[in-house]
Amino acid sequence: MRRFAPMLLAAVALLASACEKKTQPAASGEGTKGGQTAQPATTGGGGTQGDTILLGEVGSLTGAQATFGVSTRNGIELAIKEANEAGGVKGKKIAVRVYDDQGRPEEAAQAVTRLITQDKVVLILGEVASSNSLAMAEKAQGAGVPMITPSSTNPAVTQKGDYIFRVCFIDPFQGYVMAKFARENLKAEQVAILQDNKSAYSIGLTEVFQRKFAEMGGKVTTTESYSQGDTDFRAQLTALKKAKPQAIYVPGYYSDVGVIARQARELGLTVPLMGGDGWDSEKLFELAGDALNGSYFSNHYSPDNPDAKVQKFIADYKKAYGGVPDALAALGYDSAKVAVAAIGKAKDLSGPAIRDAIAQTKDFPGVAGTISLDENRNAVKPAVILKVGDGKTEFVTTINP
């Protein structure tokens, strides 16, 4: 054994060196996959390293909803770039440590834990999917680290505690918006629903839509369910067809909705489909083809808005990323803008000070609508209805709270 000791020690040293290189964190502002381990990113005061204030971001950069995470990351990145070019905050530059949760709640929770315990971030941005944000919010609230979700609409997210905020409207409003549109604009009296029974987002929208549509004199003829990632929806769609609805509400994510639309048309279901902001992705058109033409969904903003700040955001985004920003990009941008403004107003970089500053957000000029946070830390703002046709969306109307 003595003879092999030097060789064994050399091997251990080499392995340690390799592991050290493998677990180095991504540079500030770059993505790090959920399975990787981050090294501590701070020295001294929490969230600061020399002349830098460190924020954290968690998003689905890979997986079924990857376009959500990428769009949000791009919007946040653009907002932080603008802030740094304007001189930063409190005399310091801002950096963002990004982790990929692969669209899974357990990965989202682990990523937030790393951001809090290892990276020592002062604030967390994310997620899009409500199920992921719920997993994150519990960790952030427990640690007293403020968290802003750009676009999770389930009411339960901010109910996790007083350190959790959002810059988007919530499902009770979004469900009401589409129920109102179905009754008043589409003149629908009978509607069917196809929901994702594993998604907090889809279940929440279904519950509100059902209640509001009934209050307005409409009738939900039948409700069918699927699970995210399913590929065959024909049995559910056949059951819906038998109920003879005038429209079908599908409050799911684009990755499923595109396939659902194709199969619905194959079965002879020609009525309009309706949905929520989970439809918003360029991938929707690839998956659905022309099967969603004449369908509608509620959303946070429209690129058709002529407002100068909206058109500047779109122009800057196109220049940086080469495409028209969707609502997820706009909300990511707004969430980072709100975060930067709050950090600037906070008396120091502690969790309580930043939390108090975020809570005071009123009449903030976001590109996805003016943001005022209510007593429950939810944004009060209007929604838009968009119509799908020929591989693009068209603004139809705005519905106010």
Protein backbone atom coordinates (compact mmCIF):
# COMPACT_ATOMS: atom_id res chain seq x y z
CA MET A 1 0.00 0.00 0.00
CA ARG A 2 2.90 2.33 0.84
CA ARG A 3 4.27 1.85 -2.63
CA PHE A 4 0.96 2.96 -4.21
CA ALA A 5 0.42 5.91 -1.86
CA PRO A 6 2.18 8.55 -4.04
CA MET A 7 0.19 7.40 -7.07
CA LEU A 8 -3.05 7.46 -5.08
CA LEU A 9 -2.37 10.97 -3.81
CA ALA A 10 -1.60 12.19 -7.32
CA ALA A 11 -4.83 10.70 -8.62
CA VAL A 12 -6.87 12.33 -5.85
CA ALA A 13 -5.24 15.70 -6.55
CA LEU A 14 -6.01 15.40 -10.26
CA LEU A 15 -9.63 14.47 -9.54
CA ALA A 16 -10.04 17.40 -7.17
CA SER A 17 -8.66 19.75 -9.80
CA ALA A 18 -11.06 18.39 -12.41
CA CYS A 19 -14.05 18.73 -10.07
CA GLU A 20 -13.05 22.28 -9.19
CA LYS A 21 -13.09 23.23 -12.88
CA LYS A 22 -16.38 21.46 -13.51
CA THR A 23 -18.23 23.24 -10.71
CA GLN A 24 -17.15 26.78 -11.49
CA PRO A 25 -20.27 28.98 -11.85
CA ALA A 26 -21.25 30.67 -15.05
CA ALA A 27 -20.11 34.24 -15.34
CA SER A 28 -22.60 36.84 -14.16
CA GLY A 29 -25.38 37.17 -16.68
CA GLU A 30 -24.79 33.75 -18.22
CA GLY A 31 -26.91 30.63 -17.84
CA THR A 32 -26.02 27.76 -15.54
CA LYS A 33 -27.88 24.48 -15.84
CA GLY A 34 -29.94 23.34 -12.88
CA GLY A 35 -27.83 20.22 -12.33
CA GLN A 36 -24.60 22.13 -11.79
CA THR A 37 -23.32 23.41 -8.47
CA ALA A 38 -22.45 27.07 -8.10
CA GLN A 39 -19.55 28.33 -6.05
CA PRO A 40 -20.03 31.22 -3.57
CA ALA A 41 -20.12 34.42 -5.63
CA THR A 42 -19.79 37.00 -2.89
CA THR A 43 -17.33 38.30 -0.39
CA GLY A 44 -18.29 40.53 2.48
CA GLY A 45 -21.84 41.93 2.44
CA GLY A 46 -24.58 39.75 0.98
CA GLY A 47 -25.11 40.24 -2.73
CA THR A 48 -22.18 42.55 -3.33
CA GLN A 49 -18.76 41.75 -4.68
CA GLY A 50 -16.58 44.81 -5.02
CA ASP A 51 -18.46 47.17 -7.31
CA THR A 52 -21.17 44.68 -8.28
CA ILE A 53 -24.66 43.95 -6.93
CA LEU A 54 -25.65 40.37 -7.67
CA LEU A 55 -29.21 39.32 -8.55
CA GLY A 56 -30.43 35.78 -9.19
CA GLU A 57 -32.65 34.43 -11.94
CA VAL A 58 -34.26 31.01 -12.38
CA GLY A 59 -35.99 29.99 -15.60
CA SER A 60 -36.81 27.13 -17.95
CA LEU A 61 -33.95 27.55 -20.42
CA THR A 62 -34.34 23.93 -21.56
CA GLY A 63 -37.28 21.56 -21.50
CA ALA A 64 -40.85 21.75 -22.76
CA GLN A 65 -41.29 25.48 -22.03
CA ALA A 66 -37.81 26.64 -23.02
CA THR A 67 -39.06 29.60 -25.06
CA PHE A 68 -40.59 31.03 -21.86
CA GLY A 69 -37.26 30.95 -20.06
CA VAL A 70 -35.20 32.23 -22.96
CA SER A 71 -37.57 35.14 -23.67
CA THR A 72 -37.68 36.12 -20.00
CA ARG A 73 -33.90 35.91 -19.70
CA ASN A 74 -33.48 38.12 -22.76
CA GLY A 75 -35.86 40.75 -21.37
CA ILE A 76 -34.08 40.78 -18.01
CA GLU A 77 -30.68 40.95 -19.68
CA LEU A 78 -31.76 43.94 -21.79
CA ALA A 79 -33.07 45.82 -18.74
CA ILE A 80 -29.88 45.18 -16.74
CA LYS A 81 -27.73 46.28 -19.69
CA GLU A 82 -29.65 49.55 -19.86
CA ALA A 83 -29.31 50.09 -16.11
CA ASN A 84 -25.56 49.53 -16.19
CA GLU A 85 -25.12 51.83 -19.18
CA ALA A 86 -26.98 54.50 -17.18
CA GLY A 87 -24.49 54.21 -14.31
CA GLY A 88 -25.79 51.23 -12.37
CA VAL A 89 -27.33 51.50 -8.89
CA LYS A 90 -25.84 53.01 -5.74
CA GLY A 91 -22.56 53.48 -7.58
CA LYS A 92 -22.34 49.78 -8.45
CA LYS A 93 -22.92 47.68 -11.54
CA ILE A 94 -25.60 44.96 -11.54
CA ALA A 95 -24.97 41.35 -12.51
CA VAL A 96 -27.37 38.41 -12.74
CA ARG A 97 -26.58 34.78 -11.93
CA VAL A 98 -28.88 32.60 -14.06
CA TYR A 99 -29.86 28.98 -13.40
CA ASP A 100 -31.85 26.65 -15.64
CA ASP A 101 -34.55 24.68 -13.81
CA GLN A 102 -35.41 22.65 -16.92
CA GLY A 103 -39.10 23.41 -16.31
CA ARG A 104 -39.19 21.30 -13.12
CA PRO A 105 -40.32 22.55 -9.68
CA GLU A 106 -37.75 20.50 -7.80
CA GLU A 107 -34.94 21.99 -9.89
CA ALA A 108 -36.37 25.48 -9.37
CA ALA A 109 -36.32 25.01 -5.60
CA GLN A 110 -32.75 23.73 -5.68
CA ALA A 111 -31.63 26.62 -7.88
CA VAL A 112 -33.11 29.20 -5.50
CA THR A 113 -31.42 27.51 -2.57
CA ARG A 114 -28.06 27.84 -4.35
CA LEU A 115 -28.70 31.48 -5.18
CA ILE A 116 -29.50 32.22 -1.54
CA THR A 117 -26.97 30.11 0.33
CA GLN A 118 -24.00 30.09 -2.07
CA ASP A 119 -24.31 33.10 -4.35
CA LYS A 120 -25.82 35.36 -1.64
CA VAL A 121 -27.98 37.29 -4.11
CA VAL A 122 -29.96 40.31 -2.87
CA LEU A 123 -33.05 39.58 -5.02
CA ILE A 124 -34.44 36.78 -7.18
CA LEU A 125 -36.24 37.06 -10.54
CA GLY A 126 -38.39 34.22 -11.89
CA GLU A 127 -40.17 31.96 -12.76
CA VAL A 128 -42.78 31.86 -15.51
CA ALA A 129 -44.65 28.64 -14.67
CA SER A 130 -46.64 29.03 -11.46
CA SER A 131 -45.79 25.53 -10.24
CA ASN A 132 -42.09 26.42 -10.42
CA SER A 133 -42.59 29.83 -8.80
CA LEU A 134 -44.48 28.22 -5.91
CA ALA A 135 -41.50 25.96 -5.24
CA MET A 136 -39.13 28.95 -5.40
CA ALA A 137 -41.27 31.29 -3.31
CA GLU A 138 -41.23 29.01 -0.30
CA LYS A 139 -37.42 29.08 -0.22
CA ALA A 140 -37.14 32.83 -0.85
CA GLN A 141 -39.74 33.70 1.78
CA GLY A 142 -38.07 31.49 4.36
CA ALA A 143 -34.72 33.17 3.77
CA GLY A 144 -36.09 36.72 3.67
CA VAL A 145 -34.83 37.31 0.11
CA PRO A 146 -37.22 39.34 -2.11
CA MET A 147 -38.48 37.53 -5.21
CA ILE A 148 -40.29 39.02 -8.22
CA THR A 149 -41.98 36.69 -10.68
CA PRO A 150 -42.39 38.29 -14.10
CA SER A 151 -45.33 36.21 -15.25
CA SER A 152 -46.63 33.57 -12.83
CA THR A 153 -50.34 34.29 -12.64
CA ASN A 154 -51.59 31.79 -10.02
CA PRO A 155 -52.74 33.73 -6.90
CA ALA A 156 -51.05 31.26 -4.54
CA VAL A 157 -47.56 32.42 -5.58
CA THR A 158 -47.62 35.76 -3.74
CA GLN A 159 -49.63 34.20 -0.92
CA LYS A 160 -46.42 32.41 0.07
CA GLY A 161 -45.43 35.55 1.96
CA ASP A 162 -44.58 39.24 2.06
CA TYR A 163 -41.26 38.86 0.23
CA ILE A 164 -42.93 37.53 -2.95
CA PHE A 165 -44.10 39.93 -5.70
CA ARG A 166 -45.25 39.81 -9.32
CA VAL A 167 -45.48 42.34 -12.18
CA CYS A 168 -48.26 40.52 -14.09
CA PHE A 169 -51.99 40.27 -13.55
CA ILE A 170 -53.35 37.18 -11.78
CA ASP A 171 -55.53 34.28 -12.94
CA PRO A 172 -58.78 35.49 -11.35
CA PHE A 173 -58.53 38.51 -13.64
CA GLN A 174 -57.30 36.56 -16.67
CA GLY A 175 -60.06 33.96 -16.27
CA TYR A 176 -62.62 36.76 -16.04
CA VAL A 177 -61.18 38.44 -19.15
CA MET A 178 -61.68 35.38 -21.36
CA ALA A 179 -65.11 34.58 -19.88
CA LYS A 180 -66.20 38.15 -20.65
CA PHE A 181 -64.78 37.97 -24.17
CA ALA A 182 -66.47 34.62 -24.84
CA ARG A 183 -69.87 35.92 -23.76
CA GLU A 184 -69.79 39.48 -25.06
CA ASN A 185 -67.59 39.28 -28.15
CA LEU A 186 -68.03 35.70 -29.34
CA LYS A 187 -71.64 35.55 -28.08
CA ALA A 188 -70.96 32.01 -26.86
CA GLU A 189 -73.60 30.40 -24.68
CA GLN A 190 -72.05 26.93 -24.34
CA VAL A 191 -68.34 26.34 -23.87
CA ALA A 192 -66.26 23.24 -23.09
CA ILE A 193 -62.92 23.15 -21.25
CA LEU A 194 -59.77 21.07 -21.73
CA GLN A 195 -57.40 21.61 -18.78
CA ASP A 196 -53.97 20.36 -17.68
CA ASN A 197 -54.68 18.63 -14.35
CA LYS A 198 -51.01 18.74 -13.28
CA SER A 199 -50.60 22.53 -13.75
CA ALA A 200 -51.47 25.05 -11.03
CA TYR A 201 -51.73 27.63 -13.80
CA SER A 202 -54.25 25.66 -15.87
CA ILE A 203 -56.36 24.56 -12.89
CA GLY A 204 -56.54 28.12 -11.56
CA LEU A 205 -57.69 29.55 -14.88
CA THR A 206 -60.26 26.79 -15.31
CA GLU A 207 -61.83 27.45 -11.91
CA VAL A 208 -62.17 31.18 -12.50
CA PHE A 209 -63.40 30.86 -16.09
CA GLN A 210 -66.08 28.34 -15.07
CA ARG A 211 -67.39 30.55 -12.29
CA LYS A 212 -67.34 33.83 -14.22
CA PHE A 213 -68.80 32.36 -17.42
CA ALA A 214 -71.72 30.93 -15.40
CA GLU A 215 -72.24 34.27 -13.63
CA MET A 216 -72.54 35.91 -17.06
CA GLY A 217 -75.26 33.47 -18.13
CA GLY A 218 -73.11 30.98 -20.00
CA LYS A 219 -72.87 27.22 -19.50
CA VAL A 220 -69.78 24.99 -19.37
CA THR A 221 -71.04 21.83 -21.05
CA THR A 222 -68.15 19.53 -20.07
CA THR A 223 -64.59 19.60 -18.74
CA GLU A 224 -61.87 17.15 -19.81
CA SER A 225 -58.30 16.84 -18.50
CA TYR A 226 -54.84 15.89 -19.71
CA SER A 227 -51.35 15.94 -18.23
CA GLN A 228 -48.53 18.12 -19.51
CA GLY A 229 -46.42 16.18 -21.99
CA ASP A 230 -49.26 14.00 -23.30
CA THR A 231 -49.23 13.56 -27.05
CA ASP A 232 -52.65 12.04 -27.80
CA PHE A 233 -55.69 14.15 -26.88
CA ARG A 234 -58.21 12.49 -29.21
CA ALA A 235 -60.26 10.76 -26.49
CA GLN A 236 -60.79 14.02 -24.60
CA LEU A 237 -61.51 15.96 -27.78
CA THR A 238 -64.04 13.39 -28.95
CA ALA A 239 -65.87 13.75 -25.63
CA LEU A 240 -65.83 17.54 -26.00
CA LYS A 241 -67.17 17.32 -29.54
CA LYS A 242 -70.19 15.32 -28.38
CA ALA A 243 -71.14 18.20 -26.06
CA LYS A 244 -71.42 20.52 -29.11
CA PRO A 245 -69.72 23.60 -27.60
CA GLN A 246 -69.53 26.92 -29.42
CA ALA A 247 -65.93 27.38 -28.24
CA ILE A 248 -63.35 25.42 -26.21
CA TYR A 249 -61.24 26.94 -23.45
CA VAL A 250 -57.73 25.40 -23.35
CA PRO A 251 -55.76 27.16 -20.57
CA GLY A 252 -52.49 25.31 -21.14
CA TYR A 253 -48.99 25.97 -22.44
CA TYR A 254 -48.08 26.35 -26.11
CA SER A 255 -46.19 23.04 -26.18
CA ASP A 256 -49.45 21.14 -25.63
CA VAL A 257 -51.91 23.59 -27.20
CA GLY A 258 -50.35 23.36 -30.65
CA VAL A 259 -50.81 19.58 -30.75
CA ILE A 260 -54.30 19.82 -29.24
CA ALA A 261 -55.34 22.25 -31.98
CA ARG A 262 -54.14 19.99 -34.79
CA GLN A 263 -55.93 16.95 -33.37
CA ALA A 264 -59.11 18.95 -32.75
CA ARG A 265 -59.26 19.99 -36.40
CA GLU A 266 -58.53 16.43 -37.54
CA LEU A 267 -61.59 15.31 -35.55
CA GLY A 268 -63.77 17.95 -37.16
CA LEU A 269 -63.87 20.35 -34.22
CA THR A 270 -63.95 23.69 -36.01
CA VAL A 271 -65.06 25.99 -33.18
CA PRO A 272 -62.63 28.65 -31.87
CA LEU A 273 -60.19 27.63 -29.17
CA MET A 274 -59.50 30.10 -26.36
CA GLY A 275 -56.59 30.30 -23.94
CA GLY A 276 -54.37 32.35 -21.70
CA ASP A 277 -50.89 33.83 -21.78
CA GLY A 278 -49.37 30.33 -21.72
CA TRP A 279 -50.02 30.24 -25.47
CA ASP A 280 -47.58 33.07 -26.13
CA SER A 281 -44.63 31.63 -28.07
CA GLU A 282 -43.37 31.60 -31.64
CA LYS A 283 -43.25 27.81 -31.28
CA LEU A 284 -47.06 27.81 -31.07
CA PHE A 285 -47.29 28.48 -34.80
CA GLU A 286 -44.78 25.74 -35.63
CA LEU A 287 -46.71 23.19 -33.58
CA ALA A 288 -50.22 24.25 -34.63
CA GLY A 289 -49.73 25.25 -38.25
CA ASP A 290 -53.00 26.86 -39.33
CA ALA A 291 -55.09 24.81 -36.86
CA LEU A 292 -55.36 27.75 -34.46
CA ASN A 293 -56.49 30.29 -37.05
CA GLY A 294 -59.52 32.11 -35.66
CA SER A 295 -58.66 31.29 -32.05
CA TYR A 296 -58.04 33.75 -29.21
CA PHE A 297 -55.96 34.13 -26.06
CA SER A 298 -55.51 36.68 -23.29
CA ASN A 299 -52.09 38.26 -22.90
CA HIS A 300 -50.12 40.99 -21.16
CA TYR A 301 -49.19 43.19 -24.10
CA SER A 302 -49.37 43.52 -27.85
CA PRO A 303 -46.42 44.45 -30.11
CA ASP A 304 -48.99 46.50 -32.06
CA ASN A 305 -49.20 49.00 -29.19
CA PRO A 306 -48.02 52.37 -30.67
CA ASP A 307 -46.80 53.69 -27.30
CA ALA A 308 -43.29 55.15 -27.72
CA LYS A 309 -41.71 53.21 -24.84
CA VAL A 310 -43.19 49.94 -26.14
CA GLN A 311 -41.89 50.54 -29.66
CA LYS A 312 -38.43 51.49 -28.32
CA PHE A 313 -38.33 48.29 -26.30
CA ILE A 314 -39.28 46.27 -29.37
CA ALA A 315 -36.63 48.00 -31.51
CA ASP A 316 -33.92 47.47 -28.87
CA TYR A 317 -34.92 43.84 -28.40
CA LYS A 318 -34.86 43.17 -32.16
CA LYS A 319 -31.39 44.69 -32.37
CA ALA A 320 -30.10 42.54 -29.52
CA TYR A 321 -31.87 39.23 -30.17
CA GLY A 322 -33.17 39.37 -33.75
CA GLY A 323 -36.89 38.90 -33.20
CA VAL A 324 -40.06 40.54 -31.95
CA PRO A 325 -40.31 40.21 -28.16
CA ASP A 326 -43.23 38.21 -26.80
CA ALA A 327 -45.07 39.02 -23.56
CA LEU A 328 -42.62 36.91 -21.54
CA ALA A 329 -39.74 39.07 -22.72
CA ALA A 330 -41.70 42.24 -21.93
CA LEU A 331 -42.55 41.02 -18.43
CA GLY A 332 -38.97 39.90 -17.81
CA TYR A 333 -37.84 43.38 -18.80
CA ASP A 334 -40.44 45.01 -16.53
CA SER A 335 -39.55 42.78 -13.56
CA ALA A 336 -35.88 43.72 -13.82
CA LYS A 337 -36.76 47.42 -14.19
CA VAL A 338 -38.90 47.28 -11.04
CA ALA A 339 -36.11 45.45 -9.21
CA VAL A 340 -33.48 48.01 -10.21
CA ALA A 341 -35.72 50.92 -9.22
CA ALA A 342 -36.43 49.35 -5.82
CA ILE A 343 -32.76 48.66 -5.12
CA GLY A 344 -32.02 52.28 -5.95
CA LYS A 345 -34.66 53.50 -3.48
CA ALA A 346 -33.85 51.03 -0.69
CA LYS A 347 -31.93 52.43 2.27
CA ASP A 348 -29.46 49.53 2.01
CA LEU A 349 -29.06 46.16 0.30
CA SER A 350 -30.69 44.10 3.05
CA GLY A 351 -33.69 41.89 2.30
CA PRO A 352 -36.14 43.92 4.41
CA ALA A 353 -35.05 47.24 2.89
CA ILE A 354 -35.39 46.00 -0.70
CA ARG A 355 -38.69 44.28 0.13
CA ASP A 356 -40.14 47.51 1.49
CA ALA A 357 -39.00 49.44 -1.60
CA ILE A 358 -40.60 46.93 -4.01
CA ALA A 359 -43.86 47.07 -2.06
CA GLN A 360 -44.06 50.82 -2.68
CA THR A 361 -44.16 50.38 -6.49
CA LYS A 362 -46.95 52.57 -7.88
CA ASP A 363 -47.69 53.77 -11.42
CA PHE A 364 -44.45 52.25 -12.72
CA PRO A 365 -44.28 52.70 -16.53
CA GLY A 366 -43.76 49.13 -17.75
CA VAL A 367 -43.78 48.10 -21.40
CA ALA A 368 -46.46 45.51 -20.57
CA GLY A 369 -48.65 48.09 -18.85
CA THR A 370 -48.40 50.51 -15.93
CA ILE A 371 -47.59 48.60 -12.74
CA SER A 372 -49.09 49.35 -9.33
CA LEU A 373 -48.68 46.68 -6.66
CA ASP A 374 -51.64 46.14 -4.36
CA GLU A 375 -51.62 45.07 -0.71
CA ASN A 376 -51.18 41.44 -1.80
CA ARG A 377 -48.11 42.33 -3.92
CA ASN A 378 -49.95 41.68 -7.19
CA ALA A 379 -49.89 44.02 -10.17
CA VAL A 380 -53.17 45.73 -11.07
CA LYS A 381 -53.19 46.23 -14.85
CA PRO A 382 -55.25 45.55 -18.01
CA ALA A 383 -55.14 42.53 -20.32
CA VAL A 384 -55.32 42.30 -24.10
CA ILE A 385 -57.06 39.75 -26.31
CA LEU A 386 -55.09 38.53 -29.32
CA LYS A 387 -56.41 36.62 -32.34
CA VAL A 388 -54.31 33.93 -34.01
CA GLY A 389 -54.10 33.83 -37.79
CA ASP A 390 -51.58 33.01 -40.52
CA GLY A 391 -48.63 32.49 -38.18
CA LYS A 392 -49.05 35.68 -36.19
CA THR A 393 -51.27 37.40 -33.64
CA GLU A 394 -53.55 40.38 -34.11
CA PHE A 395 -54.68 42.76 -31.38
CA VAL A 396 -58.46 42.55 -30.80
CA THR A 397 -59.31 44.49 -27.65
CA THR A 398 -58.17 45.60 -24.18
CA ILE A 399 -60.09 44.60 -21.05
CA ASN A 400 -59.47 46.64 -17.91
CA PRO A 401 -59.69 45.45 -14.27
